[in-house]
Amino acid sequence: MELQLEKINVNEFQNDLISWYEHNKRDLPWRKTQDPYRVWVSEIMLQQTKVDTVIPYFNRFLEWFPTPEALAEADEEKVMKAWEGLGYYSRARNLQSAIKEVVEEYGGEVPASKKEFSSLKGVGPYTAGAVLSIAFDQAEPAVDGNVMRVFSRILLINEDIGKSKTRKMFEDIIPEFLEGVQPSQFNQALMELGAIVCTPKSPGCLLCPVQKHCAAREEGIQEELPVKEKKKAPKSKDMAAVILKNKDGQTLFHQRGEKGLLARLWEYPNVEIPSTSGTSAHETLQHFLKKEFGIDAEIEHKVQKVQHVFSHLVWNITVYEAKALQSSKEINDCKWLYPNETDAYAFPVSHQKILEAHKEKGDIEWN
């Protein structure tokens, strides 16, 4: 490791990288300002999400919540609606909680102190490094997957980047590269290089501005790095969801619990169908609706199949129509709504697909 660092002319590396960035950086909305609030929102959105996906969400989010005060005062349902479809919804809740603290404790000014900023909810080492370096030009490393991939190849590091000790190694290395440059420029250049040139597969070495500094390319093993233990294949679950209507044509929607996957988002009632139970989906749904909601229902036919892939889990959802056989009643964590009344509520992507098809098809007809 020290040998590889000694081989690099850090000043040349910095100049080559930053010069390339100035001429090739993408025109992204969060790069038009160093406002720490906007930088922070963009960094939270960009975690585990592609840039092209984030752009419209970022623009809308800042239109709805242009200041920390606006986000702090917003109804959580509206915040979740603005985030709907981005996934990893705890990011949005943590961001709003942290912004509330910024408004209450710091008068709406994002703190420039590493200690204070890092203490806010949802702010880990990467977010702290990114915001402090980009918004405040502090010489803080911002180590994400792109950065670890670039430096794994540049310095020929064979350690598993999925391990915390390896991330710490990069956090210790990068400050040397931040000396004598504008940290906001350097860190963004490094991220950009990893995003569009030094990619996970088929890296564009011939286009790389720092190829002459790259030990992995010199050895011809750039595509073998970084080292990362393969994830286990995600588990599959067969699910049944139900579009349950009452005699007024309203549909039952359920709000998920306070914790766990997709917490507090809205959904159609749904249940896992065990493959070994010997019970049909119709029977399972009827039992589930009676037990969970106190509703006797007549299950109609299948209307749709939806698949949703999480990092660790695959939902295979079969959607049924059903009729409630008794008058509607108030049910905890549920609402009876007409489809056009759902626009203010946030749904996971899988249930957005069901809702979209539901709206197109219209109501179940009662005999």
Protein backbone atom coordinates (compact mmCIF):
# COMPACT_ATOMS: atom_id res chain seq x y z
CA MET A 1 0.00 0.00 0.00
CA GLU A 2 2.64 2.55 1.00
CA LEU A 3 4.65 1.54 -2.07
CA GLN A 4 1.73 2.37 -4.37
CA LEU A 5 1.20 5.74 -2.66
CA GLU A 6 4.86 6.53 -3.05
CA LYS A 7 4.64 5.85 -6.78
CA ILE A 8 1.97 8.52 -7.29
CA ASN A 9 2.77 12.15 -7.91
CA VAL A 10 -0.16 13.55 -5.93
CA ASN A 11 0.04 17.03 -7.48
CA GLU A 12 -0.07 15.61 -11.00
CA PHE A 13 -2.95 13.33 -10.06
CA GLN A 14 -4.89 16.28 -8.63
CA ASN A 15 -4.24 18.47 -11.68
CA ASP A 16 -5.11 15.74 -14.18
CA LEU A 17 -8.33 14.87 -12.38
CA ILE A 18 -9.56 18.41 -11.73
CA SER A 19 -8.73 19.63 -15.23
CA TRP A 20 -10.72 16.73 -16.68
CA TYR A 21 -13.63 17.45 -14.34
CA GLU A 22 -13.79 21.13 -15.28
CA HIS A 23 -14.13 20.21 -18.96
CA ASN A 24 -16.32 17.11 -18.67
CA LYS A 25 -18.57 17.41 -15.62
CA ARG A 26 -22.25 16.83 -16.14
CA ASP A 27 -24.65 19.74 -15.82
CA LEU A 28 -26.54 18.66 -12.70
CA PRO A 29 -28.98 20.88 -10.78
CA TRP A 30 -27.28 20.46 -7.39
CA ARG A 31 -23.97 21.65 -8.85
CA LYS A 32 -25.38 25.11 -9.54
CA THR A 33 -24.97 26.10 -5.89
CA GLN A 34 -22.96 25.37 -2.78
CA ASP A 35 -26.00 25.97 -0.59
CA PRO A 36 -25.53 23.33 2.13
CA TYR A 37 -29.25 22.50 2.35
CA ARG A 38 -29.46 21.73 -1.38
CA VAL A 39 -26.16 19.83 -1.36
CA TRP A 40 -27.41 17.78 1.59
CA VAL A 41 -30.74 16.94 -0.07
CA SER A 42 -28.94 15.84 -3.24
CA GLU A 43 -26.47 13.64 -1.37
CA ILE A 44 -29.22 11.85 0.54
CA MET A 45 -31.19 11.27 -2.67
CA LEU A 46 -28.14 10.02 -4.56
CA GLN A 47 -27.36 7.28 -2.06
CA GLN A 48 -28.10 3.96 -3.82
CA THR A 49 -29.97 5.80 -6.59
CA LYS A 50 -28.92 6.72 -10.13
CA VAL A 51 -28.35 10.35 -11.09
CA ASP A 52 -30.91 10.35 -13.92
CA THR A 53 -33.55 9.06 -11.52
CA VAL A 54 -32.74 11.67 -8.89
CA ILE A 55 -32.85 14.82 -11.08
CA PRO A 56 -36.67 15.21 -11.31
CA TYR A 57 -37.10 14.25 -7.66
CA PHE A 58 -34.51 16.82 -6.58
CA ASN A 59 -36.13 19.58 -8.62
CA ARG A 60 -39.61 18.81 -7.30
CA PHE A 61 -38.42 18.40 -3.70
CA LEU A 62 -36.76 21.82 -3.74
CA GLU A 63 -39.83 23.32 -5.38
CA TRP A 64 -42.03 21.96 -2.60
CA PHE A 65 -39.54 22.54 0.23
CA PRO A 66 -37.22 25.39 -0.89
CA THR A 67 -35.78 26.07 2.58
CA PRO A 68 -34.94 24.11 5.71
CA GLU A 69 -37.89 25.82 7.41
CA ALA A 70 -40.29 24.62 4.69
CA LEU A 71 -39.14 21.02 5.08
CA ALA A 72 -39.16 21.17 8.88
CA GLU A 73 -42.74 22.43 8.94
CA ALA A 74 -44.06 20.10 6.22
CA ASP A 75 -46.53 17.33 6.92
CA GLU A 76 -44.73 13.98 6.80
CA GLU A 77 -47.28 12.62 4.33
CA LYS A 78 -46.33 15.37 1.86
CA VAL A 79 -42.60 14.66 2.35
CA MET A 80 -43.19 10.98 1.67
CA LYS A 81 -45.25 11.85 -1.41
CA ALA A 82 -42.34 13.93 -2.72
CA TRP A 83 -40.07 10.92 -2.14
CA GLU A 84 -42.51 8.36 -3.55
CA GLY A 85 -40.69 5.98 -5.90
CA LEU A 86 -37.15 6.84 -4.76
CA GLY A 87 -37.04 3.97 -2.28
CA TYR A 88 -35.14 3.64 1.00
CA TYR A 89 -37.80 5.84 2.60
CA SER A 90 -36.05 6.08 5.96
CA ARG A 91 -33.68 8.50 4.18
CA ALA A 92 -36.53 11.00 3.80
CA ARG A 93 -37.73 10.63 7.39
CA ASN A 94 -34.21 10.97 8.79
CA LEU A 95 -33.58 14.01 6.59
CA GLN A 96 -36.72 15.75 7.82
CA SER A 97 -35.88 14.90 11.46
CA ALA A 98 -32.37 16.29 11.02
CA ILE A 99 -33.64 19.45 9.31
CA LYS A 100 -36.09 20.03 12.17
CA GLU A 101 -33.11 19.97 14.53
CA VAL A 102 -31.21 22.39 12.26
CA VAL A 103 -34.15 24.80 12.39
CA GLU A 104 -34.66 24.45 16.14
CA GLU A 105 -31.03 24.37 17.27
CA TYR A 106 -29.15 26.30 14.58
CA GLY A 107 -31.70 28.84 13.34
CA GLY A 108 -32.09 27.06 10.00
CA GLU A 109 -28.36 27.28 9.17
CA VAL A 110 -26.76 23.92 8.41
CA PRO A 111 -23.85 23.63 10.87
CA ALA A 112 -20.37 23.70 9.35
CA SER A 113 -18.87 21.93 12.36
CA LYS A 114 -18.10 18.27 11.64
CA LYS A 115 -19.06 17.28 15.18
CA GLU A 116 -22.40 19.10 15.06
CA PHE A 117 -23.32 18.06 11.53
CA SER A 118 -22.35 14.41 12.12
CA SER A 119 -24.59 14.28 15.19
CA LEU A 120 -27.72 14.90 13.09
CA LYS A 121 -30.04 11.98 12.32
CA GLY A 122 -29.10 9.98 9.24
CA VAL A 123 -25.74 11.70 8.77
CA GLY A 124 -23.00 9.09 8.45
CA PRO A 125 -19.34 9.55 7.52
CA TYR A 126 -20.03 9.75 3.77
CA THR A 127 -22.82 12.33 4.03
CA ALA A 128 -20.77 14.41 6.47
CA GLY A 129 -17.72 14.32 4.21
CA ALA A 130 -19.70 15.14 1.07
CA VAL A 131 -21.66 18.07 2.51
CA LEU A 132 -18.77 19.58 4.47
CA SER A 133 -16.42 19.35 1.50
CA ILE A 134 -18.84 20.41 -1.26
CA ALA A 135 -20.79 23.10 0.61
CA PHE A 136 -18.12 24.40 2.98
CA ASP A 137 -14.89 23.45 1.14
CA GLN A 138 -13.56 21.59 4.15
CA ALA A 139 -10.83 19.01 3.49
CA GLU A 140 -13.00 16.03 4.44
CA PRO A 141 -12.99 12.71 2.54
CA ALA A 142 -16.32 11.59 1.07
CA VAL A 143 -15.93 7.85 0.63
CA ASP A 144 -18.66 6.06 -1.29
CA GLY A 145 -18.64 3.09 -3.66
CA ASN A 146 -17.43 5.17 -6.60
CA VAL A 147 -14.49 6.56 -4.63
CA MET A 148 -13.48 3.18 -3.23
CA ARG A 149 -13.59 1.67 -6.71
CA VAL A 150 -11.38 4.41 -8.16
CA PHE A 151 -8.77 4.18 -5.43
CA SER A 152 -8.87 0.37 -5.31
CA ARG A 153 -7.67 0.48 -8.90
CA ILE A 154 -5.33 3.46 -8.60
CA LEU A 155 -3.56 2.02 -5.55
CA LEU A 156 -4.09 -1.69 -6.29
CA ILE A 157 -5.97 -2.34 -3.05
CA ASN A 158 -7.18 -5.93 -2.75
CA GLU A 159 -9.19 -5.53 0.46
CA ASP A 160 -12.95 -6.18 0.47
CA ILE A 161 -14.64 -2.77 0.11
CA GLY A 162 -17.73 -4.13 1.86
CA LYS A 163 -15.85 -4.17 5.17
CA SER A 164 -15.79 -1.16 7.49
CA LYS A 165 -12.02 -1.46 8.08
CA THR A 166 -11.46 -1.07 4.32
CA ARG A 167 -13.64 2.04 4.17
CA LYS A 168 -11.62 3.43 7.08
CA MET A 169 -8.46 2.75 5.08
CA PHE A 170 -9.73 4.93 2.25
CA GLU A 171 -10.82 7.64 4.69
CA ASP A 172 -7.23 7.72 5.96
CA ILE A 173 -5.68 7.79 2.47
CA ILE A 174 -7.76 10.50 0.78
CA PRO A 175 -6.86 13.51 2.99
CA GLU A 176 -3.38 13.50 1.43
CA PHE A 177 -5.06 14.05 -1.95
CA LEU A 178 -7.12 16.95 -0.59
CA GLU A 179 -4.10 19.04 0.36
CA GLY A 180 -3.56 22.13 -1.77
CA VAL A 181 -6.78 21.82 -3.79
CA GLN A 182 -10.38 22.97 -3.49
CA PRO A 183 -12.01 20.03 -1.64
CA SER A 184 -15.42 20.62 -3.25
CA GLN A 185 -13.87 20.30 -6.70
CA PHE A 186 -11.64 17.34 -5.94
CA ASN A 187 -14.29 15.22 -4.21
CA GLN A 188 -16.87 15.87 -6.91
CA ALA A 189 -14.28 15.11 -9.59
CA LEU A 190 -13.48 11.81 -7.90
CA MET A 191 -17.18 10.89 -7.67
CA GLU A 192 -17.70 11.88 -11.31
CA LEU A 193 -14.75 9.78 -12.46
CA GLY A 194 -16.19 6.73 -10.72
CA ALA A 195 -19.66 7.38 -12.10
CA ILE A 196 -18.88 7.85 -15.79
CA VAL A 197 -15.36 6.51 -16.53
CA CYS A 198 -14.03 4.20 -13.81
CA THR A 199 -17.23 2.16 -13.85
CA PRO A 200 -17.80 -1.24 -12.19
CA LYS A 201 -17.77 -3.12 -15.51
CA SER A 202 -15.82 -2.26 -18.66
CA PRO A 203 -14.07 0.83 -17.22
CA GLY A 204 -13.20 3.45 -19.84
CA CYS A 205 -9.47 3.35 -19.23
CA LEU A 206 -8.58 4.93 -22.58
CA LEU A 207 -10.67 7.99 -21.63
CA CYS A 208 -9.43 8.16 -18.06
CA PRO A 209 -7.58 11.35 -17.14
CA VAL A 210 -5.56 9.57 -14.43
CA GLN A 211 -4.76 6.36 -16.31
CA LYS A 212 -1.01 6.94 -16.04
CA HIS A 213 -1.35 6.89 -12.23
CA CYS A 214 -3.34 3.63 -12.14
CA ALA A 215 -1.47 0.64 -10.74
CA ALA A 216 -4.30 -1.79 -11.60
CA ARG A 217 -4.26 -0.78 -15.28
CA GLU A 218 -0.49 -1.17 -15.35
CA GLU A 219 -0.97 -4.74 -14.11
CA GLY A 220 -3.95 -5.32 -16.42
CA ILE A 221 -6.29 -6.25 -13.56
CA GLN A 222 -8.53 -3.15 -13.41
CA GLU A 223 -11.66 -5.21 -14.07
CA GLU A 224 -10.87 -7.51 -11.16
CA LEU A 225 -11.06 -4.63 -8.70
CA PRO A 226 -12.53 -3.63 -6.37
CA VAL A 227 -12.81 -6.79 -4.30
CA LYS A 228 -16.31 -7.21 -2.93
CA GLU A 229 -17.92 -10.30 -1.47
CA LYS A 230 -20.90 -11.36 -3.57
CA LYS A 231 -24.29 -10.82 -1.98
CA LYS A 232 -26.59 -13.75 -1.43
CA ALA A 233 -29.37 -14.06 -3.97
CA PRO A 234 -32.52 -12.32 -2.73
CA LYS A 235 -35.27 -14.48 -1.23
CA SER A 236 -38.58 -14.67 -3.08
CA LYS A 237 -41.98 -14.31 -1.45
CA ASP A 238 -45.31 -15.06 -3.07
CA MET A 239 -47.81 -12.42 -2.01
CA ALA A 240 -51.49 -11.78 -2.59
CA ALA A 241 -52.85 -8.24 -2.59
CA VAL A 242 -56.49 -7.32 -2.74
CA ILE A 243 -58.46 -4.42 -4.21
CA LEU A 244 -61.23 -4.61 -1.62
CA LYS A 245 -64.28 -2.45 -2.35
CA ASN A 246 -67.35 -1.59 -0.33
CA LYS A 247 -70.85 -0.97 -1.66
CA ASP A 248 -70.08 2.75 -2.06
CA GLY A 249 -67.25 1.93 -4.47
CA GLN A 250 -64.52 2.90 -2.01
CA THR A 251 -61.36 0.81 -1.68
CA LEU A 252 -59.62 -0.16 1.54
CA PHE A 253 -56.05 1.13 1.89
CA HIS A 254 -53.73 0.25 4.76
CA GLN A 255 -50.83 2.20 6.24
CA ARG A 256 -47.80 0.08 7.08
CA GLY A 257 -46.39 0.10 10.61
CA GLU A 258 -43.95 2.50 12.24
CA LYS A 259 -40.90 0.31 11.65
CA GLY A 260 -39.52 -2.11 9.14
CA LEU A 261 -39.61 -2.29 5.35
CA LEU A 262 -41.51 0.63 3.71
CA ALA A 263 -42.59 1.95 7.11
CA ARG A 264 -45.73 4.15 7.14
CA LEU A 265 -46.33 3.95 3.39
CA TRP A 266 -49.83 3.14 2.11
CA GLU A 267 -50.72 -0.10 0.36
CA TYR A 268 -53.49 -2.43 -0.67
CA PRO A 269 -54.05 -5.11 2.01
CA ASN A 270 -51.68 -7.96 1.26
CA VAL A 271 -50.42 -11.16 2.77
CA GLU A 272 -47.75 -13.76 2.07
CA ILE A 273 -49.01 -17.00 0.53
CA PRO A 274 -46.93 -19.84 2.04
CA SER A 275 -46.00 -22.38 -0.62
CA THR A 276 -46.46 -25.34 1.73
CA SER A 277 -49.68 -24.35 3.48
CA GLY A 278 -52.04 -26.28 1.18
CA THR A 279 -54.45 -23.34 1.41
CA SER A 280 -55.55 -21.46 -1.71
CA ALA A 281 -54.84 -17.77 -2.17
CA HIS A 282 -58.60 -17.09 -1.98
CA GLU A 283 -58.88 -18.82 1.38
CA THR A 284 -55.70 -17.17 2.70
CA LEU A 285 -56.97 -13.73 1.70
CA GLN A 286 -60.41 -14.31 3.23
CA HIS A 287 -58.87 -15.46 6.51
CA PHE A 288 -56.39 -12.54 6.48
CA LEU A 289 -59.09 -9.89 5.88
CA LYS A 290 -61.27 -11.34 8.63
CA LYS A 291 -58.44 -11.65 11.15
CA GLU A 292 -56.64 -8.35 10.47
CA PHE A 293 -59.54 -6.06 9.55
CA GLY A 294 -62.68 -7.84 10.74
CA ILE A 295 -64.04 -7.95 7.21
CA ASP A 296 -65.94 -10.79 5.53
CA ALA A 297 -65.11 -10.63 1.83
CA GLU A 298 -66.00 -12.30 -1.40
CA ILE A 299 -62.76 -12.79 -3.34
CA GLU A 300 -63.20 -12.30 -7.06
CA HIS A 301 -60.72 -13.13 -9.84
CA LYS A 302 -57.05 -12.29 -10.39
CA VAL A 303 -56.54 -8.97 -12.14
CA GLN A 304 -52.78 -8.38 -12.17
CA LYS A 305 -49.32 -9.69 -11.34
CA VAL A 306 -46.61 -7.39 -10.02
CA GLN A 307 -43.00 -8.11 -9.16
CA HIS A 308 -40.88 -5.85 -7.00
CA VAL A 309 -37.18 -6.51 -6.41
CA PHE A 310 -35.48 -5.23 -3.26
CA SER A 311 -31.77 -5.75 -2.59
CA HIS A 312 -32.51 -8.73 -0.32
CA LEU A 313 -36.04 -9.72 -1.27
CA VAL A 314 -38.33 -10.25 -4.26
CA TRP A 315 -42.08 -9.81 -3.94
CA ASN A 316 -44.18 -11.73 -6.48
CA ILE A 317 -47.60 -10.21 -5.97
CA THR A 318 -50.83 -11.57 -7.42
CA VAL A 319 -53.62 -8.99 -7.22
CA TYR A 320 -57.26 -9.95 -6.68
CA GLU A 321 -60.48 -7.99 -6.64
CA ALA A 322 -62.85 -8.49 -3.73
CA LYS A 323 -66.11 -7.18 -2.27
CA ALA A 324 -66.68 -6.40 1.40
CA LEU A 325 -69.87 -8.17 2.49
CA GLN A 326 -70.80 -5.78 5.29
CA SER A 327 -71.07 -2.05 5.81
CA SER A 328 -67.84 -0.07 6.02
CA LYS A 329 -66.46 0.76 9.43
CA GLU A 330 -63.51 2.65 10.82
CA ILE A 331 -60.43 0.43 10.91
CA ASN A 332 -57.16 1.35 12.61
CA ASP A 333 -54.39 2.42 10.20
CA CYS A 334 -56.77 2.16 7.24
CA LYS A 335 -58.83 4.44 5.02
CA TRP A 336 -61.72 3.78 2.65
CA LEU A 337 -60.96 5.95 -0.38
CA TYR A 338 -62.01 6.45 -3.96
CA PRO A 339 -59.04 6.01 -6.32
CA ASN A 340 -58.94 9.75 -7.11
CA GLU A 341 -58.54 10.49 -3.39
CA THR A 342 -55.20 8.67 -3.16
CA ASP A 343 -53.05 11.36 -4.78
CA ALA A 344 -51.91 12.81 -1.45
CA TYR A 345 -50.71 9.46 -0.11
CA ALA A 346 -47.34 7.80 -0.72
CA PHE A 347 -47.27 4.20 -1.97
CA PRO A 348 -44.34 1.83 -2.60
CA VAL A 349 -43.57 1.28 -6.28
CA SER A 350 -45.26 -2.14 -6.38
CA HIS A 351 -48.52 -0.71 -5.05
CA GLN A 352 -48.26 2.34 -7.30
CA LYS A 353 -48.45 -0.13 -10.19
CA ILE A 354 -51.56 -1.72 -8.71
CA LEU A 355 -53.12 1.69 -8.14
CA GLU A 356 -52.37 2.79 -11.69
CA ALA A 357 -54.06 -0.30 -13.15
CA HIS A 358 -56.92 0.07 -10.68
CA LYS A 359 -57.58 3.65 -11.80
CA GLU A 360 -57.51 2.64 -15.46
CA LYS A 361 -59.90 -0.27 -14.97
CA GLY A 362 -62.47 1.54 -12.84
CA ASP A 363 -64.82 0.15 -10.24
CA ILE A 364 -66.06 -3.35 -9.55
CA GLU A 365 -69.73 -3.57 -10.44
CA TRP A 366 -72.06 -4.76 -7.70
CA ASN A 367 -74.88 -7.11 -8.57
